[in-house]
Amino acid sequence: MTNLLSYAIIIDMMKREYEIISHAETNFKVFVVNLLYRAPHIHKDFELGLVLDGNISILLPGQTLLLQPGDFWLINPFQSHEIKAEKPALLLAGLIRLFCSVLSRDRSSGIYILCSVCQC
């Protein structure tokens, strides 16, 4: 029963993320979240964050980072990670897409370039 209660609390907290910035014409999303747990996951963006209040552990394969207020993190695209806190921690977090694997063609020159600002 305790596990079900803990799960319900986590789901409720995940529903209370407050998105501040999300713009279709940019490659970033920034939000504030009061986080207790985020299951292991990956994404194709860089993840960066700042601990505003509380302490968190970021679990990476073979490594655990312990962060406190004022600490900043940056996680590479496709890097598996999990975030845990003993009690809810207030985080400013963001996802930023700096590069993609798509080549785009400059129509005027016919040259293919690596897209650094795209909506992949």
PDB file of N, CA and C in Angstrom:
ATOM      1  N   MET A   1       0.813  -1.194   0.000  1.00  0.00           N
ATOM      2  CA  MET A   1       0.000   0.000   0.000  1.00  0.00           C
ATOM      3  C   MET A   1       0.861   1.265   0.000  1.00  0.00           C
ATOM      4  N   THR A   2       1.980   1.224   0.691  1.00  0.00           N
ATOM      5  CA  THR A   2       2.881   2.381   0.724  1.00  0.00           C
ATOM      6  C   THR A   2       3.405   2.695  -0.668  1.00  0.00           C
ATOM      7  N   ASN A   3       3.749   1.663  -1.453  1.00  0.00           N
ATOM      8  CA  ASN A   3       4.240   1.884  -2.806  1.00  0.00           C
ATOM      9  C   ASN A   3       3.183   2.551  -3.679  1.00  0.00           C
ATOM     10  N   LEU A   4       1.916   2.138  -3.532  1.00  0.00           N
ATOM     11  CA  LEU A   4       0.849   2.762  -4.305  1.00  0.00           C
ATOM     12  C   LEU A   4       0.669   4.214  -3.919  1.00  0.00           C
ATOM     13  N   LEU A   5       0.766   4.518  -2.639  1.00  0.00           N
ATOM     14  CA  LEU A   5       0.651   5.895  -2.174  1.00  0.00           C
ATOM     15  C   LEU A   5       1.808   6.730  -2.712  1.00  0.00           C
ATOM     16  N   SER A   6       3.025   6.208  -2.643  1.00  0.00           N
ATOM     17  CA  SER A   6       4.196   6.919  -3.171  1.00  0.00           C
ATOM     18  C   SER A   6       4.037   7.183  -4.657  1.00  0.00           C
ATOM     19  N   TYR A   7       3.559   6.186  -5.393  1.00  0.00           N
ATOM     20  CA  TYR A   7       3.358   6.332  -6.834  1.00  0.00           C
ATOM     21  C   TYR A   7       2.331   7.425  -7.115  1.00  0.00           C
ATOM     22  N   ALA A   8       1.238   7.445  -6.354  1.00  0.00           N
ATOM     23  CA  ALA A   8       0.196   8.454  -6.535  1.00  0.00           C
ATOM     24  C   ALA A   8       0.738   9.853  -6.267  1.00  0.00           C
ATOM     25  N   ILE A   9       1.581   9.994  -5.260  1.00  0.00           N
ATOM     26  CA  ILE A   9       2.185  11.287  -4.946  1.00  0.00           C
ATOM     27  C   ILE A   9       3.087  11.743  -6.082  1.00  0.00           C
ATOM     28  N   ILE A  10       3.890  10.827  -6.618  1.00  0.00           N
ATOM     29  CA  ILE A  10       4.797  11.159  -7.724  1.00  0.00           C
ATOM     30  C   ILE A  10       4.006  11.607  -8.944  1.00  0.00           C
ATOM     31  N   ILE A  11       2.960  10.860  -9.291  1.00  0.00           N
ATOM     32  CA  ILE A  11       2.144  11.226 -10.458  1.00  0.00           C
ATOM     33  C   ILE A  11       1.511  12.602 -10.249  1.00  0.00           C
ATOM     34  N   ASP A  12       0.995  12.860  -9.045  1.00  0.00           N
ATOM     35  CA  ASP A  12       0.400  14.152  -8.760  1.00  0.00           C
ATOM     36  C   ASP A  12       1.415  15.277  -8.916  1.00  0.00           C
ATOM     37  N   MET A  13       2.634  15.065  -8.434  1.00  0.00           N
ATOM     38  CA  MET A  13       3.675  16.107  -8.534  1.00  0.00           C
ATOM     39  C   MET A  13       4.072  16.342  -9.981  1.00  0.00           C
ATOM     40  N   MET A  14       4.120  15.270 -10.787  1.00  0.00           N
ATOM     41  CA  MET A  14       4.491  15.429 -12.191  1.00  0.00           C
ATOM     42  C   MET A  14       3.444  16.257 -12.935  1.00  0.00           C
ATOM     43  N   LYS A  15       2.200  16.203 -12.503  1.00  0.00           N
ATOM     44  CA  LYS A  15       1.137  16.988 -13.125  1.00  0.00           C
ATOM     45  C   LYS A  15       1.258  18.467 -12.794  1.00  0.00           C
ATOM     46  N   ARG A  16       2.054  18.815 -11.774  1.00  0.00           N
ATOM     47  CA  ARG A  16       2.160  20.202 -11.334  1.00  0.00           C
ATOM     48  C   ARG A  16       3.404  20.897 -11.876  1.00  0.00           C
ATOM     49  N   GLU A  17       3.941  20.431 -12.991  1.00  0.00           N
ATOM     50  CA  GLU A  17       5.051  21.141 -13.612  1.00  0.00           C
ATOM     51  C   GLU A  17       4.504  22.427 -14.231  1.00  0.00           C
ATOM     52  N   TYR A  18       5.213  23.491 -14.058  1.00  0.00           N
ATOM     53  CA  TYR A  18       4.792  24.764 -14.623  1.00  0.00           C
ATOM     54  C   TYR A  18       5.724  25.129 -15.761  1.00  0.00           C
ATOM     55  N   GLU A  19       5.211  25.084 -16.945  1.00  0.00           N
ATOM     56  CA  GLU A  19       6.034  25.428 -18.093  1.00  0.00           C
ATOM     57  C   GLU A  19       6.063  26.938 -18.239  1.00  0.00           C
ATOM     58  N   ILE A  20       7.260  27.465 -18.404  1.00  0.00           N
ATOM     59  CA  ILE A  20       7.415  28.906 -18.525  1.00  0.00           C
ATOM     60  C   ILE A  20       7.633  29.306 -19.981  1.00  0.00           C
ATOM     61  N   ILE A  21       8.506  28.595 -20.649  1.00  0.00           N
ATOM     62  CA  ILE A  21       8.834  28.962 -22.024  1.00  0.00           C
ATOM     63  C   ILE A  21       8.780  27.717 -22.899  1.00  0.00           C
ATOM     64  N   SER A  22       8.055  27.814 -23.976  1.00  0.00           N
ATOM     65  CA  SER A  22       8.036  26.772 -24.994  1.00  0.00           C
ATOM     66  C   SER A  22       7.595  27.457 -26.269  1.00  0.00           C
ATOM     67  N   HIS A  23       8.465  27.533 -27.216  1.00  0.00           N
ATOM     68  CA  HIS A  23       8.167  28.288 -28.417  1.00  0.00           C
ATOM     69  C   HIS A  23       8.469  27.433 -29.637  1.00  0.00           C
ATOM     70  N   ALA A  24       7.517  27.327 -30.529  1.00  0.00           N
ATOM     71  CA  ALA A  24       7.650  26.457 -31.699  1.00  0.00           C
ATOM     72  C   ALA A  24       8.792  26.882 -32.623  1.00  0.00           C
ATOM     73  N   GLU A  25       9.157  28.146 -32.616  1.00  0.00           N
ATOM     74  CA  GLU A  25      10.191  28.616 -33.528  1.00  0.00           C
ATOM     75  C   GLU A  25      11.579  28.613 -32.903  1.00  0.00           C
ATOM     76  N   THR A  26      11.706  28.090 -31.702  1.00  0.00           N
ATOM     77  CA  THR A  26      13.006  27.996 -31.065  1.00  0.00           C
ATOM     78  C   THR A  26      13.286  26.542 -30.720  1.00  0.00           C
ATOM     79  N   ASN A  27      14.492  26.270 -30.322  1.00  0.00           N
ATOM     80  CA  ASN A  27      14.902  24.914 -29.995  1.00  0.00           C
ATOM     81  C   ASN A  27      15.124  24.745 -28.505  1.00  0.00           C
ATOM     82  N   PHE A  28      14.298  25.385 -27.702  1.00  0.00           N
ATOM     83  CA  PHE A  28      14.447  25.212 -26.267  1.00  0.00           C
ATOM     84  C   PHE A  28      13.087  25.203 -25.581  1.00  0.00           C
ATOM     85  N   LYS A  29      13.086  24.574 -24.432  1.00  0.00           N
ATOM     86  CA  LYS A  29      11.907  24.519 -23.564  1.00  0.00           C
ATOM     87  C   LYS A  29      12.441  24.639 -22.149  1.00  0.00           C
ATOM     88  N   VAL A  30      11.909  25.569 -21.383  1.00  0.00           N
ATOM     89  CA  VAL A  30      12.357  25.792 -20.007  1.00  0.00           C
ATOM     90  C   VAL A  30      11.141  25.702 -19.095  1.00  0.00           C
ATOM     91  N   PHE A  31      11.307  25.066 -17.956  1.00  0.00           N
ATOM     92  CA  PHE A  31      10.196  24.922 -17.027  1.00  0.00           C
ATOM     93  C   PHE A  31      10.695  24.866 -15.594  1.00  0.00           C
ATOM     94  N   VAL A  32       9.801  25.162 -14.674  1.00  0.00           N
ATOM     95  CA  VAL A  32      10.056  25.037 -13.241  1.00  0.00           C
ATOM     96  C   VAL A  32       9.247  23.843 -12.768  1.00  0.00           C
ATOM     97  N   VAL A  33       9.880  22.998 -11.965  1.00  0.00           N
ATOM     98  CA  VAL A  33       9.191  21.805 -11.483  1.00  0.00           C
ATOM     99  C   VAL A  33       9.553  21.551 -10.029  1.00  0.00           C
ATOM    100  N   ASN A  34       8.576  21.134  -9.267  1.00  0.00           N
ATOM    101  CA  ASN A  34       8.788  20.689  -7.900  1.00  0.00           C
ATOM    102  C   ASN A  34       8.856  19.169  -7.999  1.00  0.00           C
ATOM    103  N   LEU A  35      10.049  18.599  -8.016  1.00  0.00           N
ATOM    104  CA  LEU A  35      10.250  17.213  -8.408  1.00  0.00           C
ATOM    105  C   LEU A  35      10.661  16.314  -7.253  1.00  0.00           C
ATOM    106  N   LEU A  36      10.061  15.162  -7.192  1.00  0.00           N
ATOM    107  CA  LEU A  36      10.432  14.132  -6.240  1.00  0.00           C
ATOM    108  C   LEU A  36      11.142  12.986  -6.962  1.00  0.00           C
ATOM    109  N   TYR A  37      10.643  12.631  -8.144  1.00  0.00           N
ATOM    110  CA  TYR A  37      11.232  11.519  -8.882  1.00  0.00           C
ATOM    111  C   TYR A  37      10.908  11.633 -10.364  1.00  0.00           C
ATOM    112  N   ARG A  38      11.889  11.356 -11.192  1.00  0.00           N
ATOM    113  CA  ARG A  38      11.687  11.238 -12.637  1.00  0.00           C
ATOM    114  C   ARG A  38      12.333   9.925 -13.052  1.00  0.00           C
ATOM    115  N   ALA A  39      11.541   9.033 -13.601  1.00  0.00           N
ATOM    116  CA  ALA A  39      12.001   7.700 -14.003  1.00  0.00           C
ATOM    117  C   ALA A  39      13.137   7.800 -15.026  1.00  0.00           C
ATOM    118  N   PRO A  40      13.946   6.749 -15.150  1.00  0.00           N
ATOM    119  CA  PRO A  40      15.024   6.761 -16.143  1.00  0.00           C
ATOM    120  C   PRO A  40      14.463   7.082 -17.533  1.00  0.00           C
ATOM    121  N   HIS A  41      15.141   7.971 -18.232  1.00  0.00           N
ATOM    122  CA  HIS A  41      14.676   8.377 -19.557  1.00  0.00           C
ATOM    123  C   HIS A  41      15.828   8.947 -20.371  1.00  0.00           C
ATOM    124  N   ILE A  42      15.585   9.109 -21.658  1.00  0.00           N
ATOM    125  CA  ILE A  42      16.518   9.787 -22.563  1.00  0.00           C
ATOM    126  C   ILE A  42      15.703  10.715 -23.457  1.00  0.00           C
ATOM    127  N   HIS A  43      16.372  11.667 -24.064  1.00  0.00           N
ATOM    128  CA  HIS A  43      15.759  12.519 -25.077  1.00  0.00           C
ATOM    129  C   HIS A  43      16.846  13.009 -26.004  1.00  0.00           C
ATOM    130  N   LYS A  44      16.437  13.542 -27.150  1.00  0.00           N
ATOM    131  CA  LYS A  44      17.436  13.939 -28.144  1.00  0.00           C
ATOM    132  C   LYS A  44      17.969  15.351 -27.928  1.00  0.00           C
ATOM    133  N   ASP A  45      17.615  15.956 -26.816  1.00  0.00           N
ATOM    134  CA  ASP A  45      18.061  17.311 -26.504  1.00  0.00           C
ATOM    135  C   ASP A  45      19.088  17.310 -25.376  1.00  0.00           C
ATOM    136  N   PHE A  46      19.858  18.378 -25.279  1.00  0.00           N
ATOM    137  CA  PHE A  46      20.659  18.603 -24.086  1.00  0.00           C
ATOM    138  C   PHE A  46      19.675  18.952 -22.971  1.00  0.00           C
ATOM    139  N   GLU A  47      19.919  18.442 -21.781  1.00  0.00           N
ATOM    140  CA  GLU A  47      19.116  18.832 -20.620  1.00  0.00           C
ATOM    141  C   GLU A  47      20.022  19.622 -19.697  1.00  0.00           C
ATOM    142  N   LEU A  48      19.529  20.770 -19.259  1.00  0.00           N
ATOM    143  CA  LEU A  48      20.290  21.551 -18.296  1.00  0.00           C
ATOM    144  C   LEU A  48      19.357  21.950 -17.174  1.00  0.00           C
ATOM    145  N   GLY A  49      19.931  22.194 -16.035  1.00  0.00           N
ATOM    146  CA  GLY A  49      19.077  22.559 -14.925  1.00  0.00           C
ATOM    147  C   GLY A  49      19.840  23.240 -13.807  1.00  0.00           C
ATOM    148  N   LEU A  50      19.066  23.845 -12.932  1.00  0.00           N
ATOM    149  CA  LEU A  50      19.585  24.549 -11.770  1.00  0.00           C
ATOM    150  C   LEU A  50      18.723  24.151 -10.579  1.00  0.00           C
ATOM    151  N   VAL A  51      19.355  23.716  -9.512  1.00  0.00           N
ATOM    152  CA  VAL A  51      18.615  23.375  -8.294  1.00  0.00           C
ATOM    153  C   VAL A  51      18.334  24.682  -7.557  1.00  0.00           C
ATOM    154  N   LEU A  52      17.050  24.997  -7.383  1.00  0.00           N
ATOM    155  CA  LEU A  52      16.654  26.218  -6.684  1.00  0.00           C
ATOM    156  C   LEU A  52      16.466  25.980  -5.191  1.00  0.00           C
ATOM    157  N   ASP A  53      15.904  24.802  -4.852  1.00  0.00           N
ATOM    158  CA  ASP A  53      15.655  24.482  -3.449  1.00  0.00           C
ATOM    159  C   ASP A  53      15.629  22.968  -3.295  1.00  0.00           C
ATOM    160  N   GLY A  54      16.200  22.458  -2.222  1.00  0.00           N
ATOM    161  CA  GLY A  54      16.235  21.018  -1.988  1.00  0.00           C
ATOM    162  C   GLY A  54      17.499  20.394  -2.545  1.00  0.00           C
ATOM    163  N   ASN A  55      17.570  19.088  -2.451  1.00  0.00           N
ATOM    164  CA  ASN A  55      18.723  18.325  -2.940  1.00  0.00           C
ATOM    165  C   ASN A  55      18.224  17.218  -3.858  1.00  0.00           C
ATOM    166  N   ILE A  56      19.005  16.937  -4.901  1.00  0.00           N
ATOM    167  CA  ILE A  56      18.634  15.866  -5.820  1.00  0.00           C
ATOM    168  C   ILE A  56      19.834  14.973  -6.107  1.00  0.00           C
ATOM    169  N   SER A  57      19.527  13.782  -6.576  1.00  0.00           N
ATOM    170  CA  SER A  57      20.534  12.862  -7.102  1.00  0.00           C
ATOM    171  C   SER A  57      20.192  12.619  -8.559  1.00  0.00           C
ATOM    172  N   ILE A  58      21.163  12.779  -9.423  1.00  0.00           N
ATOM    173  CA  ILE A  58      20.985  12.435 -10.830  1.00  0.00           C
ATOM    174  C   ILE A  58      21.782  11.161 -11.057  1.00  0.00           C
ATOM    175  N   LEU A  59      21.078  10.096 -11.444  1.00  0.00           N
ATOM    176  CA  LEU A  59      21.712   8.803 -11.655  1.00  0.00           C
ATOM    177  C   LEU A  59      21.993   8.611 -13.137  1.00  0.00           C
ATOM    178  N   LEU A  60      23.267   8.479 -13.448  1.00  0.00           N
ATOM    179  CA  LEU A  60      23.749   8.198 -14.798  1.00  0.00           C
ATOM    180  C   LEU A  60      24.338   6.794 -14.784  1.00  0.00           C
ATOM    181  N   PRO A  61      24.489   6.149 -15.917  1.00  0.00           N
ATOM    182  CA  PRO A  61      25.120   4.828 -15.909  1.00  0.00           C
ATOM    183  C   PRO A  61      26.515   4.899 -15.268  1.00  0.00           C
ATOM    184  N   GLY A  62      26.692   4.223 -14.145  1.00  0.00           N
ATOM    185  CA  GLY A  62      27.985   4.172 -13.470  1.00  0.00           C
ATOM    186  C   GLY A  62      28.346   5.389 -12.646  1.00  0.00           C
ATOM    187  N   GLN A  63      27.425   6.336 -12.478  1.00  0.00           N
ATOM    188  CA  GLN A  63      27.758   7.569 -11.755  1.00  0.00           C
ATOM    189  C   GLN A  63      26.493   8.183 -11.147  1.00  0.00           C
ATOM    190  N   THR A  64      26.632   8.725  -9.947  1.00  0.00           N
ATOM    191  CA  THR A  64      25.539   9.456  -9.305  1.00  0.00           C
ATOM    192  C   THR A  64      26.036  10.848  -8.945  1.00  0.00           C
ATOM    193  N   LEU A  65      25.310  11.865  -9.376  1.00  0.00           N
ATOM    194  CA  LEU A  65      25.642  13.252  -9.059  1.00  0.00           C
ATOM    195  C   LEU A  65      24.734  13.717  -7.933  1.00  0.00           C
ATOM    196  N   LEU A  66      25.307  14.282  -6.876  1.00  0.00           N
ATOM    197  CA  LEU A  66      24.540  14.824  -5.755  1.00  0.00           C
ATOM    198  C   LEU A  66      24.554  16.341  -5.876  1.00  0.00           C
ATOM    199  N   LEU A  67      23.376  16.937  -6.036  1.00  0.00           N
ATOM    200  CA  LEU A  67      23.287  18.372  -6.275  1.00  0.00           C
ATOM    201  C   LEU A  67      22.468  19.047  -5.185  1.00  0.00           C
ATOM    202  N   GLN A  68      22.846  20.280  -4.882  1.00  0.00           N
ATOM    203  CA  GLN A  68      22.169  21.085  -3.868  1.00  0.00           C
ATOM    204  C   GLN A  68      21.852  22.460  -4.454  1.00  0.00           C
ATOM    205  N   PRO A  69      21.118  23.311  -3.722  1.00  0.00           N
ATOM    206  CA  PRO A  69      20.756  24.618  -4.274  1.00  0.00           C
ATOM    207  C   PRO A  69      21.965  25.379  -4.824  1.00  0.00           C
ATOM    208  N   GLY A  70      21.790  25.908  -6.022  1.00  0.00           N
ATOM    209  CA  GLY A  70      22.859  26.639  -6.696  1.00  0.00           C
ATOM    210  C   GLY A  70      23.665  25.782  -7.654  1.00  0.00           C
ATOM    211  N   ASP A  71      23.537  24.456  -7.566  1.00  0.00           N
ATOM    212  CA  ASP A  71      24.261  23.568  -8.486  1.00  0.00           C
ATOM    213  C   ASP A  71      23.540  23.506  -9.831  1.00  0.00           C
ATOM    214  N   PHE A  72      24.332  23.391 -10.876  1.00  0.00           N
ATOM    215  CA  PHE A  72      23.868  23.378 -12.259  1.00  0.00           C
ATOM    216  C   PHE A  72      24.249  22.040 -12.879  1.00  0.00           C
ATOM    217  N   TRP A  73      23.411  21.495 -13.763  1.00  0.00           N
ATOM    218  CA  TRP A  73      23.773  20.268 -14.466  1.00  0.00           C
ATOM    219  C   TRP A  73      23.518  20.406 -15.955  1.00  0.00           C
ATOM    220  N   LEU A  74      24.247  19.602 -16.717  1.00  0.00           N
ATOM    221  CA  LEU A  74      24.089  19.521 -18.171  1.00  0.00           C
ATOM    222  C   LEU A  74      24.234  18.059 -18.553  1.00  0.00           C
ATOM    223  N   ILE A  75      23.243  17.522 -19.240  1.00  0.00           N
ATOM    224  CA  ILE A  75      23.258  16.123 -19.660  1.00  0.00           C
ATOM    225  C   ILE A  75      23.198  16.088 -21.181  1.00  0.00           C
ATOM    226  N   ASN A  76      24.065  15.286 -21.781  1.00  0.00           N
ATOM    227  CA  ASN A  76      24.145  15.170 -23.234  1.00  0.00           C
ATOM    228  C   ASN A  76      22.910  14.503 -23.826  1.00  0.00           C
ATOM    229  N   PRO A  77      22.613  14.777 -25.091  1.00  0.00           N
ATOM    230  CA  PRO A  77      21.518  14.085 -25.763  1.00  0.00           C
ATOM    231  C   PRO A  77      21.728  12.562 -25.719  1.00  0.00           C
ATOM    232  N   PHE A  78      20.650  11.830 -25.608  1.00  0.00           N
ATOM    233  CA  PHE A  78      20.630  10.369 -25.599  1.00  0.00           C
ATOM    234  C   PHE A  78      21.383   9.757 -24.419  1.00  0.00           C
ATOM    235  N   GLN A  79      21.671  10.535 -23.382  1.00  0.00           N
ATOM    236  CA  GLN A  79      22.302  10.027 -22.174  1.00  0.00           C
ATOM    237  C   GLN A  79      21.206   9.604 -21.202  1.00  0.00           C
ATOM    238  N   SER A  80      21.157   8.332 -20.856  1.00  0.00           N
ATOM    239  CA  SER A  80      20.157   7.845 -19.915  1.00  0.00           C
ATOM    240  C   SER A  80      20.391   8.486 -18.552  1.00  0.00           C
ATOM    241  N   HIS A  81      19.309   8.935 -17.911  1.00  0.00           N
ATOM    242  CA  HIS A  81      19.421   9.533 -16.588  1.00  0.00           C
ATOM    243  C   HIS A  81      18.103   9.422 -15.829  1.00  0.00           C
ATOM    244  N   GLU A  82      18.224   9.508 -14.525  1.00  0.00           N
ATOM    245  CA  GLU A  82      17.095   9.403 -13.600  1.00  0.00           C
ATOM    246  C   GLU A  82      17.329  10.459 -12.519  1.00  0.00           C
ATOM    247  N   ILE A  83      16.267  11.065 -12.023  1.00  0.00           N
ATOM    248  CA  ILE A  83      16.407  12.107 -10.999  1.00  0.00           C
ATOM    249  C   ILE A  83      15.583  11.709  -9.779  1.00  0.00           C
ATOM    250  N   LYS A  84      16.215  11.796  -8.587  1.00  0.00           N
ATOM    251  CA  LYS A  84      15.557  11.442  -7.333  1.00  0.00           C
ATOM    252  C   LYS A  84      15.799  12.531  -6.299  1.00  0.00           C
ATOM    253  N   ALA A  85      14.826  12.691  -5.405  1.00  0.00           N
ATOM    254  CA  ALA A  85      14.985  13.591  -4.268  1.00  0.00           C
ATOM    255  C   ALA A  85      14.341  12.933  -3.050  1.00  0.00           C
ATOM    256  N   GLU A  86      14.890  13.194  -1.878  1.00  0.00           N
ATOM    257  CA  GLU A  86      14.308  12.659  -0.638  1.00  0.00           C
ATOM    258  C   GLU A  86      12.973  13.339  -0.336  1.00  0.00           C
ATOM    259  N   LYS A  87      12.916  14.641  -0.619  1.00  0.00           N
ATOM    260  CA  LYS A  87      11.680  15.401  -0.509  1.00  0.00           C
ATOM    261  C   LYS A  87      11.622  16.306  -1.733  1.00  0.00           C
ATOM    262  N   PRO A  88      10.460  16.811  -2.108  1.00  0.00           N
ATOM    263  CA  PRO A  88      10.351  17.603  -3.340  1.00  0.00           C
ATOM    264  C   PRO A  88      11.407  18.708  -3.429  1.00  0.00           C
ATOM    265  N   ALA A  89      12.040  18.768  -4.583  1.00  0.00           N
ATOM    266  CA  ALA A  89      13.073  19.777  -4.849  1.00  0.00           C
ATOM    267  C   ALA A  89      12.593  20.692  -5.970  1.00  0.00           C
ATOM    268  N   LEU A  90      12.821  21.977  -5.816  1.00  0.00           N
ATOM    269  CA  LEU A  90      12.424  22.951  -6.819  1.00  0.00           C
ATOM    270  C   LEU A  90      13.558  23.121  -7.824  1.00  0.00           C
ATOM    271  N   LEU A  91      13.244  22.866  -9.097  1.00  0.00           N
ATOM    272  CA  LEU A  91      14.259  22.885 -10.149  1.00  0.00           C
ATOM    273  C   LEU A  91      13.841  23.800 -11.288  1.00  0.00           C
ATOM    274  N   LEU A  92      14.803  24.482 -11.846  1.00  0.00           N
ATOM    275  CA  LEU A  92      14.642  25.181 -13.110  1.00  0.00           C
ATOM    276  C   LEU A  92      15.345  24.293 -14.126  1.00  0.00           C
ATOM    277  N   ALA A  93      14.609  23.763 -15.073  1.00  0.00           N
ATOM    278  CA  ALA A  93      15.205  22.808 -16.014  1.00  0.00           C
ATOM    279  C   ALA A  93      14.863  23.211 -17.438  1.00  0.00           C
ATOM    280  N   GLY A  94      15.671  22.736 -18.354  1.00  0.00           N
ATOM    281  CA  GLY A  94      15.427  23.055 -19.749  1.00  0.00           C
ATOM    282  C   GLY A  94      15.941  21.983 -20.676  1.00  0.00           C
ATOM    283  N   LEU A  95      15.346  21.947 -21.848  1.00  0.00           N
ATOM    284  CA  LEU A  95      15.784  21.074 -22.931  1.00  0.00           C
ATOM    285  C   LEU A  95      16.168  21.974 -24.090  1.00  0.00           C
ATOM    286  N   ILE A  96      17.371  21.768 -24.609  1.00  0.00           N
ATOM    287  CA  ILE A  96      17.871  22.607 -25.688  1.00  0.00           C
ATOM    288  C   ILE A  96      18.392  21.727 -26.802  1.00  0.00           C
ATOM    289  N   ARG A  97      17.898  21.952 -28.008  1.00  0.00           N
ATOM    290  CA  ARG A  97      18.369  21.217 -29.174  1.00  0.00           C
ATOM    291  C   ARG A  97      19.353  22.106 -29.918  1.00  0.00           C
ATOM    292  N   LEU A  98      20.632  21.747 -29.847  1.00  0.00           N
ATOM    293  CA  LEU A  98      21.659  22.549 -30.511  1.00  0.00           C
ATOM    294  C   LEU A  98      22.019  22.007 -31.882  1.00  0.00           C
ATOM    295  N   PHE A  99      21.974  20.696 -32.019  1.00  0.00           N
ATOM    296  CA  PHE A  99      22.358  20.082 -33.282  1.00  0.00           C
ATOM    297  C   PHE A  99      21.384  18.966 -33.613  1.00  0.00           C
ATOM    298  N   CYS A 100      21.359  18.581 -34.846  1.00  0.00           N
ATOM    299  CA  CYS A 100      20.568  17.428 -35.241  1.00  0.00           C
ATOM    300  C   CYS A 100      21.367  16.630 -36.266  1.00  0.00           C
ATOM    301  N   SER A 101      20.843  15.517 -36.639  1.00  0.00           N
ATOM    302  CA  SER A 101      21.568  14.658 -37.577  1.00  0.00           C
ATOM    303  C   SER A 101      21.086  14.854 -39.006  1.00  0.00           C
ATOM    304  N   VAL A 102      20.319  15.886 -39.239  1.00  0.00           N
ATOM    305  CA  VAL A 102      19.761  16.108 -40.572  1.00  0.00           C
ATOM    306  C   VAL A 102      20.611  17.126 -41.328  1.00  0.00           C
ATOM    307  N   LEU A 103      20.897  16.800 -42.550  1.00  0.00           N
ATOM    308  CA  LEU A 103      21.585  17.748 -43.408  1.00  0.00           C
ATOM    309  C   LEU A 103      20.536  18.541 -44.174  1.00  0.00           C
ATOM    310  N   SER A 104      20.732  19.836 -44.256  1.00  0.00           N
ATOM    311  CA  SER A 104      19.816  20.648 -45.055  1.00  0.00           C
ATOM    312  C   SER A 104      20.590  21.237 -46.222  1.00  0.00           C
ATOM    313  N   ARG A 105      19.867  21.529 -47.268  1.00  0.00           N
ATOM    314  CA  ARG A 105      20.513  22.022 -48.482  1.00  0.00           C
ATOM    315  C   ARG A 105      20.271  23.517 -48.623  1.00  0.00           C
ATOM    316  N   ASP A 106      21.357  24.249 -48.790  1.00  0.00           N
ATOM    317  CA  ASP A 106      21.280  25.675 -49.080  1.00  0.00           C
ATOM    318  C   ASP A 106      20.893  25.778 -50.561  1.00  0.00           C
ATOM    319  N   ARG A 107      19.677  26.252 -50.829  1.00  0.00           N
ATOM    320  CA  ARG A 107      19.170  26.265 -52.211  1.00  0.00           C
ATOM    321  C   ARG A 107      19.990  27.152 -53.144  1.00  0.00           C
ATOM    322  N   SER A 108      20.542  28.232 -52.614  1.00  0.00           N
ATOM    323  CA  SER A 108      21.283  29.141 -53.498  1.00  0.00           C
ATOM    324  C   SER A 108      22.619  28.560 -53.933  1.00  0.00           C
ATOM    325  N   SER A 109      23.285  27.802 -53.058  1.00  0.00           N
ATOM    326  CA  SER A 109      24.602  27.266 -53.406  1.00  0.00           C
ATOM    327  C   SER A 109      24.580  25.776 -53.724  1.00  0.00           C
ATOM    328  N   GLY A 110      23.505  25.093 -53.302  1.00  0.00           N
ATOM    329  CA  GLY A 110      23.438  23.651 -53.517  1.00  0.00           C
ATOM    330  C   GLY A 110      24.270  22.869 -52.517  1.00  0.00           C
ATOM    331  N   ILE A 111      24.838  23.555 -51.530  1.00  0.00           N
ATOM    332  CA  ILE A 111      25.695  22.907 -50.534  1.00  0.00           C
ATOM    333  C   ILE A 111      24.829  22.358 -49.404  1.00  0.00           C
ATOM    334  N   TYR A 112      25.160  21.156 -48.946  1.00  0.00           N
ATOM    335  CA  TYR A 112      24.479  20.565 -47.801  1.00  0.00           C
ATOM    336  C   TYR A 112      25.212  20.961 -46.526  1.00  0.00           C
ATOM    337  N   ILE A 113      24.479  21.383 -45.535  1.00  0.00           N
ATOM    338  CA  ILE A 113      25.088  21.792 -44.285  1.00  0.00           C
ATOM    339  C   ILE A 113      24.427  21.053 -43.121  1.00  0.00           C
ATOM    340  N   LEU A 114      25.193  20.872 -42.048  1.00  0.00           N
ATOM    341  CA  LEU A 114      24.621  20.289 -40.828  1.00  0.00           C
ATOM    342  C   LEU A 114      23.742  21.327 -40.180  1.00  0.00           C
ATOM    343  N   CYS A 115      22.519  20.976 -39.964  1.00  0.00           N
ATOM    344  CA  CYS A 115      21.543  21.904 -39.417  1.00  0.00           C
ATOM    345  C   CYS A 115      21.804  22.128 -37.935  1.00  0.00           C
ATOM    346  N   SER A 116      22.000  23.358 -37.520  1.00  0.00           N
ATOM    347  CA  SER A 116      22.204  23.637 -36.100  1.00  0.00           C
ATOM    348  C   SER A 116      20.979  24.264 -35.446  1.00  0.00           C
ATOM    349  N   VAL A 117      20.049  24.694 -36.240  1.00  0.00           N
ATOM    350  CA  VAL A 117      18.804  25.244 -35.724  1.00  0.00           C
ATOM    351  C   VAL A 117      17.685  24.652 -36.561  1.00  0.00           C
ATOM    352  N   CYS A 118      17.023  23.641 -36.016  1.00  0.00           N
ATOM    353  CA  CYS A 118      15.992  22.975 -36.787  1.00  0.00           C
ATOM    354  C   CYS A 118      14.882  22.468 -35.888  1.00  0.00           C
ATOM    355  N   GLN A 119      13.894  21.873 -36.465  1.00  0.00           N
ATOM    356  CA  GLN A 119      12.759  21.330 -35.714  1.00  0.00           C
ATOM    357  C   GLN A 119      12.716  19.809 -35.861  1.00  0.00           C
ATOM    358  N   CYS A 120      13.859  19.167 -35.848  1.00  0.00           N
ATOM    359  CA  CYS A 120      13.909  17.696 -35.995  1.00  0.00           C
ATOM    360  C   CYS A 120      13.215  17.010 -34.851  1.00  0.00           C
TER     361      CYS A 120
END
